Every structure is written in C-alpha cells, then in structure tokens.
Amino acid sequence: EGARAVLARRADITVAVLDVVMESENAGLALLDWMHTRPALAAMR
C-alpha cells in the first residue's frame, strides 16, 4: 500500500525492487499486477 502511494506520486523511478511477502503473503505480486496497469510505469525496470 505504501509502494502504491509512492508510485502514484513519483512515476520517474528507474528500478523497483519488490519483496513478495509484505503485509500479506502475495502483496508484492498483487502490487506487480497493479503496476502493470499504469502506463506511466511502463519504462521502469
């Protein structure tokens, strides 16, 4: 949830390093699916 707030505000990030397990066992993968819907993040590694 905190990462979503950062990414919504700052879409100029070069590389994102995601843990899979955060507030839930699959929180990182759910975040990855959300990121995939954001065109402004398409260039981010």
PDB file of all heavy atoms in Angstrom:
ATOM      1  N   GLU A   1       0.839  -1.197   0.000  1.00  0.00           N
ATOM      2  CA  GLU A   1       0.000   0.000   0.000  1.00  0.00           C
ATOM      3  C   GLU A   1       0.880   1.256   0.000  1.00  0.00           C
ATOM      4  O   GLU A   1       0.605   2.222  -0.717  1.00  0.00           O
ATOM      5  CB  GLU A   1      -0.917  -0.003   1.230  1.00  0.00           C
ATOM      6  CG  GLU A   1      -1.946   1.111   1.235  1.00  0.00           C
ATOM      7  CD  GLU A   1      -2.917   1.018   0.070  1.00  0.00           C
ATOM      8  OE1 GLU A   1      -3.167  -0.111  -0.393  1.00  0.00           O
ATOM      9  OE2 GLU A   1      -3.405   2.073  -0.366  1.00  0.00           O
ATOM     10  N   GLY A   2       1.947   1.238   0.800  1.00  0.00           N
ATOM     11  CA  GLY A   2       2.861   2.373   0.795  1.00  0.00           C
ATOM     12  C   GLY A   2       3.560   2.543  -0.541  1.00  0.00           C
ATOM     13  O   GLY A   2       3.784   3.668  -1.006  1.00  0.00           O
ATOM     14  N   ALA A   3       3.887   1.425  -1.188  1.00  0.00           N
ATOM     15  CA  ALA A   3       4.532   1.495  -2.501  1.00  0.00           C
ATOM     16  C   ALA A   3       3.592   2.087  -3.537  1.00  0.00           C
ATOM     17  O   ALA A   3       4.013   2.863  -4.405  1.00  0.00           O
ATOM     18  CB  ALA A   3       4.986   0.102  -2.935  1.00  0.00           C
ATOM     19  N   ARG A   4       2.299   1.738  -3.469  1.00  0.00           N
ATOM     20  CA  ARG A   4       1.334   2.320  -4.413  1.00  0.00           C
ATOM     21  C   ARG A   4       1.304   3.838  -4.271  1.00  0.00           C
ATOM     22  O   ARG A   4       1.230   4.570  -5.262  1.00  0.00           O
ATOM     23  CB  ARG A   4      -0.060   1.743  -4.178  1.00  0.00           C
ATOM     24  CG  ARG A   4      -0.240   0.329  -4.675  1.00  0.00           C
ATOM     25  CD  ARG A   4      -1.717  -0.099  -4.572  1.00  0.00           C
ATOM     26  NE  ARG A   4      -1.870  -1.495  -4.940  1.00  0.00           N
ATOM     27  CZ  ARG A   4      -1.811  -2.507  -4.090  1.00  0.00           C
ATOM     28  NH1 ARG A   4      -1.587  -2.272  -2.803  1.00  0.00           N
ATOM     29  NH2 ARG A   4      -1.951  -3.753  -4.511  1.00  0.00           N
ATOM     30  N   ALA A   5       1.350   4.318  -3.028  1.00  0.00           N
ATOM     31  CA  ALA A   5       1.328   5.767  -2.810  1.00  0.00           C
ATOM     32  C   ALA A   5       2.561   6.423  -3.413  1.00  0.00           C
ATOM     33  O   ALA A   5       2.478   7.482  -4.044  1.00  0.00           O
ATOM     34  CB  ALA A   5       1.233   6.060  -1.311  1.00  0.00           C
ATOM     35  N   VAL A   6       3.729   5.790  -3.242  1.00  0.00           N
ATOM     36  CA  VAL A   6       4.962   6.339  -3.805  1.00  0.00           C
ATOM     37  C   VAL A   6       4.909   6.341  -5.323  1.00  0.00           C
ATOM     38  O   VAL A   6       5.237   7.335  -5.983  1.00  0.00           O
ATOM     39  CB  VAL A   6       6.186   5.543  -3.316  1.00  0.00           C
ATOM     40  CG1 VAL A   6       7.444   5.957  -4.064  1.00  0.00           C
ATOM     41  CG2 VAL A   6       6.386   5.741  -1.816  1.00  0.00           C
ATOM     42  N   LEU A   7       4.473   5.234  -5.902  1.00  0.00           N
ATOM     43  CA  LEU A   7       4.456   5.101  -7.360  1.00  0.00           C
ATOM     44  C   LEU A   7       3.399   5.987  -8.009  1.00  0.00           C
ATOM     45  O   LEU A   7       3.561   6.421  -9.147  1.00  0.00           O
ATOM     46  CB  LEU A   7       4.226   3.638  -7.748  1.00  0.00           C
ATOM     47  CG  LEU A   7       5.377   2.692  -7.404  1.00  0.00           C
ATOM     48  CD1 LEU A   7       4.922   1.244  -7.516  1.00  0.00           C
ATOM     49  CD2 LEU A   7       6.575   2.942  -8.298  1.00  0.00           C
ATOM     50  N   ALA A   8       2.316   6.272  -7.313  1.00  0.00           N
ATOM     51  CA  ALA A   8       1.307   7.178  -7.849  1.00  0.00           C
ATOM     52  C   ALA A   8       1.829   8.608  -7.892  1.00  0.00           C
ATOM     53  O   ALA A   8       1.459   9.398  -8.751  1.00  0.00           O
ATOM     54  CB  ALA A   8       0.036   7.095  -7.011  1.00  0.00           C
ATOM     55  N   ARG A   9       2.720   8.926  -6.947  1.00  0.00           N
ATOM     56  CA  ARG A   9       3.244  10.293  -6.862  1.00  0.00           C
ATOM     57  C   ARG A   9       4.511  10.472  -7.666  1.00  0.00           C
ATOM     58  O   ARG A   9       4.788  11.548  -8.193  1.00  0.00           O
ATOM     59  CB  ARG A   9       3.507  10.614  -5.387  1.00  0.00           C
ATOM     60  CG  ARG A   9       3.920  12.045  -5.107  1.00  0.00           C
ATOM     61  CD  ARG A   9       4.022  12.299  -3.620  1.00  0.00           C
ATOM     62  NE  ARG A   9       5.079  11.551  -2.990  1.00  0.00           N
ATOM     63  CZ  ARG A   9       4.911  10.520  -2.171  1.00  0.00           C
ATOM     64  NH1 ARG A   9       3.699  10.097  -1.896  1.00  0.00           N
ATOM     65  NH2 ARG A   9       5.927   9.884  -1.633  1.00  0.00           N
ATOM     66  N   ARG A  10       5.324   9.418  -7.770  1.00  0.00           N
ATOM     67  CA  ARG A  10       6.627   9.509  -8.423  1.00  0.00           C
ATOM     68  C   ARG A  10       6.744   8.410  -9.466  1.00  0.00           C
ATOM     69  O   ARG A  10       7.141   7.292  -9.165  1.00  0.00           O
ATOM     70  CB  ARG A  10       7.754   9.353  -7.387  1.00  0.00           C
ATOM     71  CG  ARG A  10       7.871  10.514  -6.424  1.00  0.00           C
ATOM     72  CD  ARG A  10       8.434  11.742  -7.122  1.00  0.00           C
ATOM     73  NE  ARG A  10       9.722  11.473  -7.719  1.00  0.00           N
ATOM     74  CZ  ARG A  10      10.886  11.581  -7.063  1.00  0.00           C
ATOM     75  NH1 ARG A  10      10.903  11.960  -5.814  1.00  0.00           N
ATOM     76  NH2 ARG A  10      12.023  11.344  -7.692  1.00  0.00           N
ATOM     77  N   ALA A  11       6.385   8.743 -10.696  1.00  0.00           N
ATOM     78  CA  ALA A  11       6.448   7.760 -11.773  1.00  0.00           C
ATOM     79  C   ALA A  11       7.753   7.849 -12.553  1.00  0.00           C
ATOM     80  O   ALA A  11       7.859   7.322 -13.649  1.00  0.00           O
ATOM     81  CB  ALA A  11       5.266   7.930 -12.711  1.00  0.00           C
ATOM     82  N   ASP A  12       8.765   8.522 -11.987  1.00  0.00           N
ATOM     83  CA  ASP A  12      10.054   8.672 -12.673  1.00  0.00           C
ATOM     84  C   ASP A  12      11.101   7.711 -12.118  1.00  0.00           C
ATOM     85  O   ASP A  12      12.297   7.950 -12.230  1.00  0.00           O
ATOM     86  CB  ASP A  12      10.554  10.113 -12.528  1.00  0.00           C
ATOM     87  CG  ASP A  12      10.756  10.528 -11.071  1.00  0.00           C
ATOM     88  OD1 ASP A  12      10.058   9.987 -10.192  1.00  0.00           O
ATOM     89  OD2 ASP A  12      11.613  11.392 -10.816  1.00  0.00           O
ATOM     90  N   ILE A  13      10.683   6.618 -11.517  1.00  0.00           N
ATOM     91  CA  ILE A  13      11.594   5.686 -10.854  1.00  0.00           C
ATOM     92  C   ILE A  13      12.241   4.766 -11.880  1.00  0.00           C
ATOM     93  O   ILE A  13      11.584   4.253 -12.779  1.00  0.00           O
ATOM     94  CB  ILE A  13      10.842   4.880  -9.777  1.00  0.00           C
ATOM     95  CG1 ILE A  13      10.312   5.845  -8.705  1.00  0.00           C
ATOM     96  CG2 ILE A  13      11.733   3.828  -9.141  1.00  0.00           C
ATOM     97  CD1 ILE A  13       9.347   5.210  -7.737  1.00  0.00           C
ATOM     98  N   THR A  14      13.536   4.557 -11.739  1.00  0.00           N
ATOM     99  CA  THR A  14      14.297   3.761 -12.704  1.00  0.00           C
ATOM    100  C   THR A  14      14.133   2.263 -12.463  1.00  0.00           C
ATOM    101  O   THR A  14      13.849   1.504 -13.378  1.00  0.00           O
ATOM    102  CB  THR A  14      15.788   4.139 -12.625  1.00  0.00           C
ATOM    103  OG1 THR A  14      15.922   5.528 -12.903  1.00  0.00           O
ATOM    104  CG2 THR A  14      16.606   3.338 -13.619  1.00  0.00           C
ATOM    105  N   VAL A  15      14.340   1.832 -11.220  1.00  0.00           N
ATOM    106  CA  VAL A  15      14.273   0.407 -10.880  1.00  0.00           C
ATOM    107  C   VAL A  15      13.459   0.242  -9.604  1.00  0.00           C
ATOM    108  O   VAL A  15      13.669   0.974  -8.630  1.00  0.00           O
ATOM    109  CB  VAL A  15      15.680  -0.196 -10.658  1.00  0.00           C
ATOM    110  CG1 VAL A  15      15.569  -1.694 -10.352  1.00  0.00           C
ATOM    111  CG2 VAL A  15      16.576   0.040 -11.851  1.00  0.00           C
ATOM    112  N   ALA A  16      12.545  -0.707  -9.597  1.00  0.00           N
ATOM    113  CA  ALA A  16      11.803  -1.067  -8.392  1.00  0.00           C
ATOM    114  C   ALA A  16      12.216  -2.467  -7.964  1.00  0.00           C
ATOM    115  O   ALA A  16      12.200  -3.394  -8.778  1.00  0.00           O
ATOM    116  CB  ALA A  16      10.300  -1.019  -8.651  1.00  0.00           C
ATOM    117  N   VAL A  17      12.609  -2.619  -6.704  1.00  0.00           N
ATOM    118  CA  VAL A  17      12.962  -3.922  -6.140  1.00  0.00           C
ATOM    119  C   VAL A  17      11.838  -4.317  -5.185  1.00  0.00           C
ATOM    120  O   VAL A  17      11.615  -3.653  -4.171  1.00  0.00           O
ATOM    121  CB  VAL A  17      14.316  -3.862  -5.403  1.00  0.00           C
ATOM    122  CG1 VAL A  17      14.666  -5.242  -4.836  1.00  0.00           C
ATOM    123  CG2 VAL A  17      15.416  -3.373  -6.339  1.00  0.00           C
ATOM    124  N   LEU A  18      11.117  -5.386  -5.518  1.00  0.00           N
ATOM    125  CA  LEU A  18       9.924  -5.769  -4.782  1.00  0.00           C
ATOM    126  C   LEU A  18      10.133  -7.050  -3.983  1.00  0.00           C
ATOM    127  O   LEU A  18      10.559  -8.067  -4.537  1.00  0.00           O
ATOM    128  CB  LEU A  18       8.746  -5.999  -5.745  1.00  0.00           C
ATOM    129  CG  LEU A  18       8.297  -4.855  -6.650  1.00  0.00           C
ATOM    130  CD1 LEU A  18       7.098  -5.296  -7.463  1.00  0.00           C
ATOM    131  CD2 LEU A  18       7.977  -3.632  -5.844  1.00  0.00           C
ATOM    132  N   ASP A  19       9.812  -6.996  -2.699  1.00  0.00           N
ATOM    133  CA  ASP A  19       9.654  -8.224  -1.932  1.00  0.00           C
ATOM    134  C   ASP A  19       8.296  -8.819  -2.259  1.00  0.00           C
ATOM    135  O   ASP A  19       7.335  -8.084  -2.532  1.00  0.00           O
ATOM    136  CB  ASP A  19       9.720  -7.930  -0.432  1.00  0.00           C
ATOM    137  CG  ASP A  19      11.129  -8.086   0.117  1.00  0.00           C
ATOM    138  OD1 ASP A  19      11.906  -8.840  -0.489  1.00  0.00           O
ATOM    139  OD2 ASP A  19      11.446  -7.451   1.133  1.00  0.00           O
ATOM    140  N   VAL A  20       8.204 -10.123  -2.242  1.00  0.00           N
ATOM    141  CA  VAL A  20       6.916 -10.770  -2.499  1.00  0.00           C
ATOM    142  C   VAL A  20       6.045 -10.713  -1.256  1.00  0.00           C
ATOM    143  O   VAL A  20       4.874 -10.339  -1.314  1.00  0.00           O
ATOM    144  CB  VAL A  20       7.118 -12.234  -2.946  1.00  0.00           C
ATOM    145  CG1 VAL A  20       5.773 -12.949  -3.040  1.00  0.00           C
ATOM    146  CG2 VAL A  20       7.828 -12.266  -4.297  1.00  0.00           C
ATOM    147  N   VAL A  21       6.617 -11.068  -0.105  1.00  0.00           N
ATOM    148  CA  VAL A  21       5.855 -11.110   1.147  1.00  0.00           C
ATOM    149  C   VAL A  21       6.006  -9.773   1.864  1.00  0.00           C
ATOM    150  O   VAL A  21       7.103  -9.400   2.275  1.00  0.00           O
ATOM    151  CB  VAL A  21       6.336 -12.263   2.049  1.00  0.00           C
ATOM    152  CG1 VAL A  21       5.539 -12.284   3.353  1.00  0.00           C
ATOM    153  CG2 VAL A  21       6.203 -13.605   1.314  1.00  0.00           C
ATOM    154  N   MET A  22       4.893  -9.058   2.006  1.00  0.00           N
ATOM    155  CA  MET A  22       4.891  -7.815   2.785  1.00  0.00           C
ATOM    156  C   MET A  22       3.744  -7.895   3.780  1.00  0.00           C
ATOM    157  O   MET A  22       3.774  -8.741   4.666  1.00  0.00           O
ATOM    158  CB  MET A  22       4.809  -6.603   1.842  1.00  0.00           C
ATOM    159  CG  MET A  22       6.113  -6.381   1.051  1.00  0.00           C
ATOM    160  SD  MET A  22       6.124  -4.908   0.022  1.00  0.00           S
ATOM    161  CE  MET A  22       5.325  -5.557  -1.467  1.00  0.00           C
ATOM    162  N   GLU A  23       2.695  -7.055   3.624  1.00  0.00           N
ATOM    163  CA  GLU A  23       1.598  -7.152   4.590  1.00  0.00           C
ATOM    164  C   GLU A  23       0.774  -8.418   4.407  1.00  0.00           C
ATOM    165  O   GLU A  23      -0.057  -8.758   5.256  1.00  0.00           O
ATOM    166  CB  GLU A  23       0.700  -5.913   4.542  1.00  0.00           C
ATOM    167  CG  GLU A  23      -0.021  -5.688   3.210  1.00  0.00           C
ATOM    168  CD  GLU A  23       0.730  -4.748   2.301  1.00  0.00           C
ATOM    169  OE1 GLU A  23       1.937  -4.982   2.074  1.00  0.00           O
ATOM    170  OE2 GLU A  23       0.127  -3.787   1.825  1.00  0.00           O
ATOM    171  N   SER A  24       0.973  -9.107   3.277  1.00  0.00           N
ATOM    172  CA  SER A  24       0.368 -10.419   3.068  1.00  0.00           C
ATOM    173  C   SER A  24       1.353 -11.277   2.280  1.00  0.00           C
ATOM    174  O   SER A  24       2.367 -10.779   1.791  1.00  0.00           O
ATOM    175  CB  SER A  24      -0.967 -10.297   2.304  1.00  0.00           C
ATOM    176  OG  SER A  24      -0.731  -9.890   0.964  1.00  0.00           O
ATOM    177  N   GLU A  25       1.051 -12.572   2.148  1.00  0.00           N
ATOM    178  CA  GLU A  25       1.996 -13.480   1.510  1.00  0.00           C
ATOM    179  C   GLU A  25       2.229 -13.157   0.046  1.00  0.00           C
ATOM    180  O   GLU A  25       3.295 -13.456  -0.498  1.00  0.00           O
ATOM    181  CB  GLU A  25       1.487 -14.925   1.650  1.00  0.00           C
ATOM    182  CG  GLU A  25       1.523 -15.439   3.091  1.00  0.00           C
ATOM    183  CD  GLU A  25       1.134 -16.897   3.173  1.00  0.00           C
ATOM    184  OE1 GLU A  25       0.712 -17.456   2.125  1.00  0.00           O
ATOM    185  OE2 GLU A  25       1.243 -17.481   4.270  1.00  0.00           O
ATOM    186  N   ASN A  26       1.245 -12.554  -0.610  1.00  0.00           N
ATOM    187  CA  ASN A  26       1.366 -12.260  -2.036  1.00  0.00           C
ATOM    188  C   ASN A  26       1.230 -10.773  -2.341  1.00  0.00           C
ATOM    189  O   ASN A  26       0.886 -10.386  -3.462  1.00  0.00           O
ATOM    190  CB  ASN A  26       0.306 -13.042  -2.827  1.00  0.00           C
ATOM    191  CG  ASN A  26       0.549 -14.540  -2.751  1.00  0.00           C
ATOM    192  OD1 ASN A  26       1.637 -15.014  -3.035  1.00  0.00           O
ATOM    193  ND2 ASN A  26      -0.482 -15.272  -2.343  1.00  0.00           N
ATOM    194  N   ALA A  27       1.508  -9.930  -1.354  1.00  0.00           N
ATOM    195  CA  ALA A  27       1.318  -8.489  -1.541  1.00  0.00           C
ATOM    196  C   ALA A  27       2.186  -7.955  -2.675  1.00  0.00           C
ATOM    197  O   ALA A  27       1.757  -7.104  -3.458  1.00  0.00           O
ATOM    198  CB  ALA A  27       1.628  -7.743  -0.246  1.00  0.00           C
ATOM    199  N   GLY A  28       3.412  -8.463  -2.777  1.00  0.00           N
ATOM    200  CA  GLY A  28       4.306  -7.988  -3.831  1.00  0.00           C
ATOM    201  C   GLY A  28       3.807  -8.341  -5.219  1.00  0.00           C
ATOM    202  O   GLY A  28       3.928  -7.553  -6.156  1.00  0.00           O
ATOM    203  N   LEU A  29       3.241  -9.536  -5.360  1.00  0.00           N
ATOM    204  CA  LEU A  29       2.721  -9.944  -6.668  1.00  0.00           C
ATOM    205  C   LEU A  29       1.467  -9.159  -7.028  1.00  0.00           C
ATOM    206  O   LEU A  29       1.261  -8.795  -8.197  1.00  0.00           O
ATOM    207  CB  LEU A  29       2.417 -11.448  -6.658  1.00  0.00           C
ATOM    208  CG  LEU A  29       3.634 -12.349  -6.393  1.00  0.00           C
ATOM    209  CD1 LEU A  29       3.210 -13.814  -6.428  1.00  0.00           C
ATOM    210  CD2 LEU A  29       4.741 -12.084  -7.392  1.00  0.00           C
ATOM    211  N   ALA A  30       0.621  -8.860  -6.027  1.00  0.00           N
ATOM    212  CA  ALA A  30      -0.557  -8.028  -6.292  1.00  0.00           C
ATOM    213  C   ALA A  30      -0.120  -6.618  -6.696  1.00  0.00           C
ATOM    214  O   ALA A  30      -0.714  -6.003  -7.590  1.00  0.00           O
ATOM    215  CB  ALA A  30      -1.449  -7.982  -5.053  1.00  0.00           C
ATOM    216  N   LEU A  31       0.927  -6.122  -6.048  1.00  0.00           N
ATOM    217  CA  LEU A  31       1.462  -4.813  -6.420  1.00  0.00           C
ATOM    218  C   LEU A  31       1.987  -4.832  -7.848  1.00  0.00           C
ATOM    219  O   LEU A  31       1.782  -3.886  -8.620  1.00  0.00           O
ATOM    220  CB  LEU A  31       2.577  -4.415  -5.448  1.00  0.00           C
ATOM    221  CG  LEU A  31       3.327  -3.125  -5.766  1.00  0.00           C
ATOM    222  CD1 LEU A  31       2.386  -1.925  -5.742  1.00  0.00           C
ATOM    223  CD2 LEU A  31       4.484  -2.925  -4.774  1.00  0.00           C
ATOM    224  N   LEU A  32       2.651  -5.911  -8.221  1.00  0.00           N
ATOM    225  CA  LEU A  32       3.178  -6.036  -9.575  1.00  0.00           C
ATOM    226  C   LEU A  32       2.039  -5.991 -10.603  1.00  0.00           C
ATOM    227  O   LEU A  32       2.160  -5.335 -11.650  1.00  0.00           O
ATOM    228  CB  LEU A  32       3.958  -7.341  -9.698  1.00  0.00           C
ATOM    229  CG  LEU A  32       4.674  -7.602 -11.025  1.00  0.00           C
ATOM    230  CD1 LEU A  32       5.728  -6.542 -11.291  1.00  0.00           C
ATOM    231  CD2 LEU A  32       5.314  -8.998 -11.000  1.00  0.00           C
ATOM    232  N   ASP A  33       0.929  -6.669 -10.309  1.00  0.00           N
ATOM    233  CA  ASP A  33      -0.221  -6.633 -11.214  1.00  0.00           C
ATOM    234  C   ASP A  33      -0.765  -5.214 -11.332  1.00  0.00           C
ATOM    235  O   ASP A  33      -1.137  -4.762 -12.423  1.00  0.00           O
ATOM    236  CB  ASP A  33      -1.318  -7.578 -10.719  1.00  0.00           C
ATOM    237  CG  ASP A  33      -0.934  -9.038 -10.873  1.00  0.00           C
ATOM    238  OD1 ASP A  33      -0.079  -9.340 -11.733  1.00  0.00           O
ATOM    239  OD2 ASP A  33      -1.473  -9.876 -10.120  1.00  0.00           O
ATOM    240  N   TRP A  34      -0.829  -4.486 -10.206  1.00  0.00           N
ATOM    241  CA  TRP A  34      -1.300  -3.096 -10.234  1.00  0.00           C
ATOM    242  C   TRP A  34      -0.361  -2.216 -11.055  1.00  0.00           C
ATOM    243  O   TRP A  34      -0.811  -1.395 -11.858  1.00  0.00           O
ATOM    244  CB  TRP A  34      -1.402  -2.575  -8.806  1.00  0.00           C
ATOM    245  CG  TRP A  34      -1.772  -1.121  -8.701  1.00  0.00           C
ATOM    246  CD1 TRP A  34      -3.033  -0.590  -8.728  1.00  0.00           C
ATOM    247  CD2 TRP A  34      -0.871  -0.020  -8.569  1.00  0.00           C
ATOM    248  NE1 TRP A  34      -2.969   0.782  -8.619  1.00  0.00           N
ATOM    249  CE2 TRP A  34      -1.657   1.162  -8.515  1.00  0.00           C
ATOM    250  CE3 TRP A  34       0.518   0.088  -8.485  1.00  0.00           C
ATOM    251  CZ2 TRP A  34      -1.095   2.430  -8.381  1.00  0.00           C
ATOM    252  CZ3 TRP A  34       1.081   1.351  -8.354  1.00  0.00           C
ATOM    253  CH2 TRP A  34       0.283   2.504  -8.297  1.00  0.00           C
ATOM    254  N   MET A  35       0.941  -2.401 -10.887  1.00  0.00           N
ATOM    255  CA  MET A  35       1.926  -1.611 -11.631  1.00  0.00           C
ATOM    256  C   MET A  35       1.781  -1.827 -13.134  1.00  0.00           C
ATOM    257  O   MET A  35       1.987  -0.915 -13.934  1.00  0.00           O
ATOM    258  CB  MET A  35       3.344  -1.969 -11.174  1.00  0.00           C
ATOM    259  CG  MET A  35       3.664  -1.483  -9.769  1.00  0.00           C
ATOM    260  SD  MET A  35       5.081  -2.342  -9.027  1.00  0.00           S
ATOM    261  CE  MET A  35       6.371  -2.007 -10.208  1.00  0.00           C
ATOM    262  N   HIS A  36       1.407  -3.035 -13.508  1.00  0.00           N
ATOM    263  CA  HIS A  36       1.277  -3.370 -14.927  1.00  0.00           C
ATOM    264  C   HIS A  36       0.152  -2.574 -15.590  1.00  0.00           C
ATOM    265  O   HIS A  36       0.141  -2.400 -16.807  1.00  0.00           O
ATOM    266  CB  HIS A  36       1.011  -4.870 -15.085  1.00  0.00           C
ATOM    267  CG  HIS A  36       1.041  -5.346 -16.501  1.00  0.00           C
ATOM    268  ND1 HIS A  36       2.183  -5.302 -17.283  1.00  0.00           N
ATOM    269  CD2 HIS A  36       0.062  -5.865 -17.294  1.00  0.00           C
ATOM    270  CE1 HIS A  36       1.912  -5.772 -18.482  1.00  0.00           C
ATOM    271  NE2 HIS A  36       0.638  -6.117 -18.521  1.00  0.00           N
ATOM    272  N   THR A  37      -0.797  -2.060 -14.800  1.00  0.00           N
ATOM    273  CA  THR A  37      -1.910  -1.284 -15.350  1.00  0.00           C
ATOM    274  C   THR A  37      -1.586   0.193 -15.463  1.00  0.00           C
ATOM    275  O   THR A  37      -2.429   0.971 -15.942  1.00  0.00           O
ATOM    276  CB  THR A  37      -3.167  -1.438 -14.471  1.00  0.00           C
ATOM    277  OG1 THR A  37      -2.961  -0.778 -13.211  1.00  0.00           O
ATOM    278  CG2 THR A  37      -3.487  -2.901 -14.241  1.00  0.00           C
ATOM    279  N   ARG A  38      -0.392   0.621 -15.034  1.00  0.00           N
ATOM    280  CA  ARG A  38      -0.045   2.041 -15.020  1.00  0.00           C
ATOM    281  C   ARG A  38       0.878   2.360 -16.192  1.00  0.00           C
ATOM    282  O   ARG A  38       2.073   2.039 -16.156  1.00  0.00           O
ATOM    283  CB  ARG A  38       0.667   2.409 -13.716  1.00  0.00           C
ATOM    284  CG  ARG A  38       0.006   1.870 -12.468  1.00  0.00           C
ATOM    285  CD  ARG A  38      -1.352   2.472 -12.246  1.00  0.00           C
ATOM    286  NE  ARG A  38      -1.278   3.897 -11.949  1.00  0.00           N
ATOM    287  CZ  ARG A  38      -2.332   4.637 -11.651  1.00  0.00           C
ATOM    288  NH1 ARG A  38      -3.525   4.102 -11.631  1.00  0.00           N
ATOM    289  NH2 ARG A  38      -2.190   5.911 -11.395  1.00  0.00           N
ATOM    290  N   PRO A  39       0.381   2.988 -17.253  1.00  0.00           N
ATOM    291  CA  PRO A  39       1.239   3.282 -18.407  1.00  0.00           C
ATOM    292  C   PRO A  39       2.462   4.111 -18.058  1.00  0.00           C
ATOM    293  O   PRO A  39       3.515   3.957 -18.672  1.00  0.00           O
ATOM    294  CB  PRO A  39       0.294   4.054 -19.345  1.00  0.00           C
ATOM    295  CG  PRO A  39      -1.076   3.594 -18.970  1.00  0.00           C
ATOM    296  CD  PRO A  39      -1.021   3.374 -17.489  1.00  0.00           C
ATOM    297  N   ALA A  40       2.359   4.987 -17.059  1.00  0.00           N
ATOM    298  CA  ALA A  40       3.494   5.845 -16.703  1.00  0.00           C
ATOM    299  C   ALA A  40       4.658   5.053 -16.117  1.00  0.00           C
ATOM    300  O   ALA A  40       5.774   5.561 -16.031  1.00  0.00           O
ATOM    301  CB  ALA A  40       3.053   6.920 -15.710  1.00  0.00           C
ATOM    302  N   LEU A  41       4.411   3.804 -15.704  1.00  0.00           N
ATOM    303  CA  LEU A  41       5.469   2.973 -15.114  1.00  0.00           C
ATOM    304  C   LEU A  41       6.048   1.983 -16.115  1.00  0.00           C
ATOM    305  O   LEU A  41       6.880   1.154 -15.748  1.00  0.00           O
ATOM    306  CB  LEU A  41       4.922   2.200 -13.906  1.00  0.00           C
ATOM    307  CG  LEU A  41       4.286   3.036 -12.791  1.00  0.00           C
ATOM    308  CD1 LEU A  41       3.747   2.119 -11.700  1.00  0.00           C
ATOM    309  CD2 LEU A  41       5.278   4.027 -12.212  1.00  0.00           C
ATOM    310  N   ALA A  42       5.635   2.078 -17.367  1.00  0.00           N
ATOM    311  CA  ALA A  42       5.996   1.048 -18.346  1.00  0.00           C
ATOM    312  C   ALA A  42       7.504   0.939 -18.555  1.00  0.00           C
ATOM    313  O   ALA A  42       8.020  -0.144 -18.834  1.00  0.00           O
ATOM    314  CB  ALA A  42       5.302   1.320 -19.672  1.00  0.00           C
ATOM    315  N   ALA A  43       8.233   2.054 -18.437  1.00  0.00           N
ATOM    316  CA  ALA A  43       9.675   2.024 -18.697  1.00  0.00           C
ATOM    317  C   ALA A  43      10.481   1.561 -17.490  1.00  0.00           C
ATOM    318  O   ALA A  43      11.664   1.242 -17.614  1.00  0.00           O
ATOM    319  CB  ALA A  43      10.154   3.411 -19.130  1.00  0.00           C
ATOM    320  N   MET A  44       9.878   1.505 -16.321  1.00  0.00           N
ATOM    321  CA  MET A  44      10.591   1.164 -15.096  1.00  0.00           C
ATOM    322  C   MET A  44      11.031  -0.301 -15.110  1.00  0.00           C
ATOM    323  O   MET A  44      10.297  -1.180 -15.551  1.00  0.00           O
ATOM    324  CB  MET A  44       9.685   1.423 -13.895  1.00  0.00           C
ATOM    325  CG  MET A  44      10.338   1.207 -12.541  1.00  0.00           C
ATOM    326  SD  MET A  44       9.218   1.681 -11.196  1.00  0.00           S
ATOM    327  CE  MET A  44       7.911   0.459 -11.407  1.00  0.00           C
ATOM    328  N   ARG A  45      12.247  -0.565 -14.639  1.00  0.00           N
ATOM    329  CA  ARG A  45      12.732  -1.933 -14.502  1.00  0.00           C
ATOM    330  C   ARG A  45      12.239  -2.500 -13.182  1.00  0.00           C
ATOM    331  O   ARG A  45      12.195  -1.805 -12.160  1.00  0.00           O
ATOM    332  CB  ARG A  45      14.271  -1.959 -14.525  1.00  0.00           C
ATOM    333  CG  ARG A  45      14.902  -1.202 -15.677  1.00  0.00           C
ATOM    334  CD  ARG A  45      14.703  -1.879 -17.009  1.00  0.00           C
ATOM    335  NE  ARG A  45      15.432  -3.142 -17.089  1.00  0.00           N
ATOM    336  CZ  ARG A  45      15.475  -3.887 -18.186  1.00  0.00           C
ATOM    337  NH1 ARG A  45      14.814  -3.508 -19.286  1.00  0.00           N
ATOM    338  NH2 ARG A  45      16.169  -5.010 -18.217  1.00  0.00           N
TER     339      ARG A  45
END
